[in-house]
Amino acid sequence: MKVMQRGIMKILPGKMAEAMELLEKYMAVVSRLAGVPQANLPMKTYRPFLGGGDALHTIVFQVEWDSFGEMTAFLEKAMADPEIQAFMPKWEVVEQSHEVEILTLLP
């Protein structure tokens, strides 16, 4: 069953440039991990074009996986990687919040 992983990152005011740079570096590391389905990279990233409130401080990313198992295998590998682990504290400095959704197609 195909799944889509969608993340919604609320970035702290004044930290968007830093967040975009961090995301670029993170994706470079992720793309080097063995076993990452290259069809999924780079992940698609979006910023709201219009919206009120904190919409302009938002990054949305989307990755499509062939199965839930493929996604979880990647996440386990990524979270065990020392370079990926080094990114985690850096996100805490720029993010206000981070939500992840896992979606499947309707029949």
N, C-alpha and C. Protein backbone atom coordinates (compact mmCIF):
# COMPACT_ATOMS: atom_id res chain seq x y z
N MET A 1 0.84 -1.16 0.00
CA MET A 1 0.00 0.00 0.00
C MET A 1 0.90 1.23 0.00
N LYS A 2 0.69 2.12 -0.96
CA LYS A 2 1.44 3.37 -1.03
C LYS A 2 1.04 4.29 0.12
N VAL A 3 2.02 5.01 0.63
CA VAL A 3 1.75 5.99 1.68
C VAL A 3 2.48 7.28 1.35
N MET A 4 1.92 8.36 1.86
CA MET A 4 2.56 9.66 1.73
C MET A 4 2.87 10.17 3.13
N GLN A 5 4.09 10.57 3.31
CA GLN A 5 4.53 11.19 4.56
C GLN A 5 4.53 12.70 4.30
N ARG A 6 3.80 13.41 5.11
CA ARG A 6 3.69 14.86 4.94
C ARG A 6 4.05 15.52 6.27
N GLY A 7 4.94 16.47 6.21
CA GLY A 7 5.34 17.19 7.41
C GLY A 7 5.00 18.65 7.30
N ILE A 8 4.60 19.22 8.41
CA ILE A 8 4.28 20.64 8.47
C ILE A 8 5.15 21.25 9.56
N MET A 9 6.10 22.05 9.14
CA MET A 9 7.03 22.66 10.07
C MET A 9 6.71 24.15 10.20
N LYS A 10 6.43 24.57 11.41
CA LYS A 10 6.22 25.99 11.70
C LYS A 10 7.58 26.52 12.14
N ILE A 11 8.07 27.51 11.41
CA ILE A 11 9.39 28.06 11.67
C ILE A 11 9.25 29.33 12.51
N LEU A 12 10.15 29.48 13.44
CA LEU A 12 10.14 30.68 14.29
C LEU A 12 10.38 31.93 13.44
N PRO A 13 9.71 33.03 13.76
CA PRO A 13 9.93 34.28 13.02
C PRO A 13 11.41 34.64 12.97
N GLY A 14 11.87 35.02 11.79
CA GLY A 14 13.26 35.41 11.60
C GLY A 14 14.21 34.25 11.38
N LYS A 15 13.70 33.01 11.37
CA LYS A 15 14.56 31.84 11.25
C LYS A 15 14.36 31.08 9.93
N MET A 16 13.57 31.64 8.99
CA MET A 16 13.27 30.91 7.75
C MET A 16 14.53 30.66 6.92
N ALA A 17 15.40 31.65 6.77
CA ALA A 17 16.62 31.45 5.98
C ALA A 17 17.48 30.34 6.59
N GLU A 18 17.59 30.34 7.91
CA GLU A 18 18.37 29.32 8.60
C GLU A 18 17.72 27.94 8.43
N ALA A 19 16.40 27.89 8.49
CA ALA A 19 15.68 26.63 8.31
C ALA A 19 15.85 26.09 6.89
N MET A 20 15.80 26.96 5.90
CA MET A 20 15.96 26.52 4.51
C MET A 20 17.38 25.99 4.27
N GLU A 21 18.37 26.63 4.85
CA GLU A 21 19.75 26.16 4.73
C GLU A 21 19.92 24.81 5.42
N LEU A 22 19.33 24.67 6.58
CA LEU A 22 19.39 23.41 7.32
C LEU A 22 18.71 22.29 6.53
N LEU A 23 17.57 22.58 5.94
CA LEU A 23 16.85 21.59 5.14
C LEU A 23 17.68 21.15 3.94
N GLU A 24 18.35 22.08 3.29
CA GLU A 24 19.19 21.74 2.14
C GLU A 24 20.33 20.81 2.56
N LYS A 25 20.97 21.11 3.68
CA LYS A 25 22.07 20.27 4.17
C LYS A 25 21.55 18.89 4.59
N TYR A 26 20.39 18.87 5.24
CA TYR A 26 19.78 17.61 5.67
C TYR A 26 19.50 16.72 4.46
N MET A 27 18.93 17.30 3.40
CA MET A 27 18.60 16.51 2.22
C MET A 27 19.86 15.97 1.53
N ALA A 28 20.95 16.71 1.58
CA ALA A 28 22.21 16.22 1.01
C ALA A 28 22.68 14.98 1.77
N VAL A 29 22.55 14.98 3.08
CA VAL A 29 22.94 13.82 3.89
C VAL A 29 22.00 12.65 3.61
N VAL A 30 20.70 12.91 3.60
CA VAL A 30 19.71 11.85 3.37
C VAL A 30 19.93 11.20 2.02
N SER A 31 20.26 11.97 1.01
CA SER A 31 20.41 11.42 -0.34
C SER A 31 21.62 10.48 -0.44
N ARG A 32 22.54 10.57 0.50
CA ARG A 32 23.71 9.68 0.50
C ARG A 32 23.46 8.37 1.23
N LEU A 33 22.40 8.29 2.00
CA LEU A 33 22.14 7.06 2.76
C LEU A 33 21.83 5.91 1.79
N ALA A 34 22.51 4.81 1.96
CA ALA A 34 22.26 3.65 1.12
C ALA A 34 20.84 3.12 1.37
N GLY A 35 20.21 2.71 0.32
CA GLY A 35 18.88 2.13 0.46
C GLY A 35 17.75 3.13 0.36
N VAL A 36 18.07 4.41 0.21
CA VAL A 36 17.02 5.41 0.07
C VAL A 36 16.50 5.32 -1.36
N PRO A 37 15.21 5.09 -1.53
CA PRO A 37 14.67 5.05 -2.89
C PRO A 37 14.86 6.40 -3.57
N GLN A 38 15.68 6.43 -4.59
CA GLN A 38 16.01 7.70 -5.24
C GLN A 38 14.78 8.36 -5.88
N ALA A 39 13.75 7.57 -6.17
CA ALA A 39 12.52 8.15 -6.72
C ALA A 39 11.87 9.09 -5.71
N ASN A 40 12.17 8.91 -4.42
CA ASN A 40 11.58 9.74 -3.37
C ASN A 40 12.37 11.01 -3.10
N LEU A 41 13.53 11.13 -3.71
CA LEU A 41 14.38 12.27 -3.42
C LEU A 41 14.59 13.10 -4.67
N PRO A 42 14.68 14.40 -4.59
CA PRO A 42 14.48 15.09 -3.33
C PRO A 42 13.02 15.10 -2.94
N MET A 43 12.78 15.16 -1.66
CA MET A 43 11.39 15.26 -1.23
C MET A 43 10.85 16.59 -1.73
N LYS A 44 9.57 16.64 -1.91
CA LYS A 44 8.95 17.87 -2.37
C LYS A 44 8.75 18.77 -1.17
N THR A 45 9.15 20.02 -1.31
CA THR A 45 8.97 20.98 -0.23
C THR A 45 8.17 22.17 -0.76
N TYR A 46 7.34 22.71 0.11
CA TYR A 46 6.44 23.80 -0.26
C TYR A 46 6.45 24.87 0.82
N ARG A 47 6.13 26.09 0.40
CA ARG A 47 5.86 27.20 1.32
C ARG A 47 4.52 27.78 0.90
N PRO A 48 3.68 28.15 1.83
CA PRO A 48 2.41 28.77 1.45
C PRO A 48 2.65 30.03 0.64
N PHE A 49 1.84 30.19 -0.39
CA PHE A 49 1.92 31.37 -1.25
C PHE A 49 1.12 32.52 -0.63
N LEU A 50 0.01 32.18 -0.05
CA LEU A 50 -0.86 33.15 0.61
C LEU A 50 -1.28 32.58 1.96
N GLY A 51 -1.73 33.44 2.81
CA GLY A 51 -2.25 32.97 4.09
C GLY A 51 -1.96 33.98 5.18
N GLY A 52 -2.74 33.90 6.18
CA GLY A 52 -2.58 34.83 7.29
C GLY A 52 -1.79 34.20 8.42
N GLY A 53 -1.61 34.96 9.45
CA GLY A 53 -0.95 34.47 10.65
C GLY A 53 0.47 34.01 10.37
N ASP A 54 0.77 32.79 10.79
CA ASP A 54 2.12 32.28 10.64
C ASP A 54 2.31 31.45 9.37
N ALA A 55 1.37 31.55 8.41
CA ALA A 55 1.46 30.76 7.19
C ALA A 55 2.78 30.97 6.45
N LEU A 56 3.27 32.19 6.45
CA LEU A 56 4.50 32.48 5.73
C LEU A 56 5.74 31.98 6.47
N HIS A 57 5.56 31.46 7.68
CA HIS A 57 6.65 30.86 8.43
C HIS A 57 6.50 29.34 8.45
N THR A 58 5.98 28.79 7.36
CA THR A 58 5.67 27.37 7.31
C THR A 58 6.39 26.71 6.15
N ILE A 59 6.93 25.52 6.39
CA ILE A 59 7.48 24.66 5.33
C ILE A 59 6.68 23.36 5.40
N VAL A 60 6.22 22.92 4.24
CA VAL A 60 5.51 21.65 4.14
C VAL A 60 6.36 20.74 3.26
N PHE A 61 6.59 19.52 3.71
CA PHE A 61 7.31 18.57 2.86
C PHE A 61 6.46 17.34 2.64
N GLN A 62 6.74 16.67 1.54
CA GLN A 62 5.96 15.50 1.15
C GLN A 62 6.88 14.46 0.53
N VAL A 63 6.77 13.23 0.98
CA VAL A 63 7.53 12.12 0.42
C VAL A 63 6.56 10.97 0.18
N GLU A 64 6.62 10.38 -0.99
CA GLU A 64 5.77 9.23 -1.30
C GLU A 64 6.59 7.95 -1.19
N TRP A 65 6.01 6.95 -0.54
CA TRP A 65 6.67 5.67 -0.33
C TRP A 65 5.80 4.57 -0.94
N ASP A 66 6.45 3.50 -1.40
CA ASP A 66 5.70 2.37 -1.97
C ASP A 66 4.94 1.60 -0.90
N SER A 67 5.43 1.67 0.34
CA SER A 67 4.75 0.96 1.42
C SER A 67 5.13 1.58 2.76
N PHE A 68 4.34 1.26 3.76
CA PHE A 68 4.64 1.70 5.12
C PHE A 68 5.96 1.09 5.58
N GLY A 69 6.19 -0.16 5.20
CA GLY A 69 7.44 -0.84 5.56
C GLY A 69 8.66 -0.15 4.99
N GLU A 70 8.56 0.30 3.74
CA GLU A 70 9.67 1.01 3.12
C GLU A 70 9.97 2.30 3.88
N MET A 71 8.91 3.01 4.26
CA MET A 71 9.07 4.26 4.98
C MET A 71 9.72 4.02 6.35
N THR A 72 9.21 3.04 7.08
CA THR A 72 9.75 2.80 8.43
C THR A 72 11.19 2.28 8.37
N ALA A 73 11.52 1.48 7.35
CA ALA A 73 12.90 1.00 7.21
C ALA A 73 13.84 2.18 6.97
N PHE A 74 13.42 3.12 6.13
CA PHE A 74 14.24 4.30 5.89
C PHE A 74 14.40 5.12 7.18
N LEU A 75 13.28 5.35 7.89
CA LEU A 75 13.34 6.16 9.10
C LEU A 75 14.25 5.53 10.15
N GLU A 76 14.20 4.21 10.29
CA GLU A 76 15.08 3.54 11.25
C GLU A 76 16.54 3.73 10.87
N LYS A 77 16.83 3.60 9.58
CA LYS A 77 18.20 3.77 9.11
C LYS A 77 18.65 5.22 9.31
N ALA A 78 17.79 6.16 8.95
CA ALA A 78 18.14 7.57 9.06
C ALA A 78 18.37 7.97 10.51
N MET A 79 17.51 7.53 11.41
CA MET A 79 17.62 7.92 12.82
C MET A 79 18.84 7.29 13.49
N ALA A 80 19.39 6.23 12.92
CA ALA A 80 20.59 5.61 13.47
C ALA A 80 21.87 6.25 12.91
N ASP A 81 21.73 7.09 11.90
CA ASP A 81 22.88 7.70 11.25
C ASP A 81 23.40 8.88 12.08
N PRO A 82 24.71 8.90 12.40
CA PRO A 82 25.26 9.98 13.23
C PRO A 82 25.09 11.38 12.62
N GLU A 83 25.21 11.49 11.30
CA GLU A 83 25.03 12.81 10.68
C GLU A 83 23.59 13.30 10.84
N ILE A 84 22.63 12.40 10.68
CA ILE A 84 21.22 12.77 10.85
C ILE A 84 20.97 13.14 12.31
N GLN A 85 21.52 12.36 13.23
CA GLN A 85 21.34 12.66 14.65
C GLN A 85 21.87 14.04 15.00
N ALA A 86 22.94 14.46 14.34
CA ALA A 86 23.53 15.77 14.62
C ALA A 86 22.62 16.92 14.18
N PHE A 87 21.69 16.65 13.26
CA PHE A 87 20.76 17.69 12.82
C PHE A 87 19.65 17.97 13.83
N MET A 88 19.28 17.00 14.63
CA MET A 88 18.11 17.14 15.49
C MET A 88 18.18 18.37 16.42
N PRO A 89 19.27 18.60 17.14
CA PRO A 89 19.30 19.79 18.01
C PRO A 89 19.25 21.10 17.21
N LYS A 90 19.73 21.08 15.98
CA LYS A 90 19.72 22.28 15.15
C LYS A 90 18.29 22.68 14.78
N TRP A 91 17.42 21.68 14.58
CA TRP A 91 16.02 21.99 14.25
C TRP A 91 15.32 22.66 15.43
N GLU A 92 15.68 22.26 16.64
CA GLU A 92 15.03 22.83 17.82
C GLU A 92 15.22 24.34 17.90
N VAL A 93 16.27 24.87 17.30
CA VAL A 93 16.57 26.29 17.35
C VAL A 93 15.72 27.09 16.35
N VAL A 94 15.23 26.44 15.28
CA VAL A 94 14.50 27.17 14.24
C VAL A 94 13.02 26.82 14.18
N GLU A 95 12.62 25.70 14.75
CA GLU A 95 11.23 25.25 14.65
C GLU A 95 10.39 25.64 15.86
N GLN A 96 9.20 26.08 15.57
CA GLN A 96 8.21 26.30 16.62
C GLN A 96 7.45 25.00 16.87
N SER A 97 7.11 24.30 15.76
CA SER A 97 6.43 23.01 15.87
C SER A 97 6.69 22.21 14.61
N HIS A 98 6.43 20.89 14.71
CA HIS A 98 6.65 19.98 13.59
C HIS A 98 5.62 18.86 13.70
N GLU A 99 4.73 18.81 12.74
CA GLU A 99 3.72 17.75 12.69
C GLU A 99 4.01 16.84 11.52
N VAL A 100 3.74 15.55 11.68
CA VAL A 100 3.91 14.60 10.60
C VAL A 100 2.59 13.86 10.40
N GLU A 101 2.18 13.75 9.15
CA GLU A 101 0.98 13.01 8.79
C GLU A 101 1.40 11.85 7.90
N ILE A 102 0.75 10.71 8.07
CA ILE A 102 0.95 9.56 7.19
C ILE A 102 -0.40 9.32 6.51
N LEU A 103 -0.41 9.41 5.19
CA LEU A 103 -1.66 9.34 4.43
C LEU A 103 -1.64 8.16 3.47
N THR A 104 -2.79 7.57 3.22
CA THR A 104 -2.94 6.52 2.22
C THR A 104 -4.02 6.93 1.23
N LEU A 105 -3.99 6.33 0.07
CA LEU A 105 -5.00 6.61 -0.94
C LEU A 105 -6.35 6.03 -0.54
N LEU A 106 -7.38 6.75 -0.87
CA LEU A 106 -8.73 6.21 -0.69
C LEU A 106 -9.00 5.15 -1.75
N PRO A 107 -9.76 4.12 -1.41
CA PRO A 107 -10.07 3.10 -2.44
C PRO A 107 -10.96 3.66 -3.53
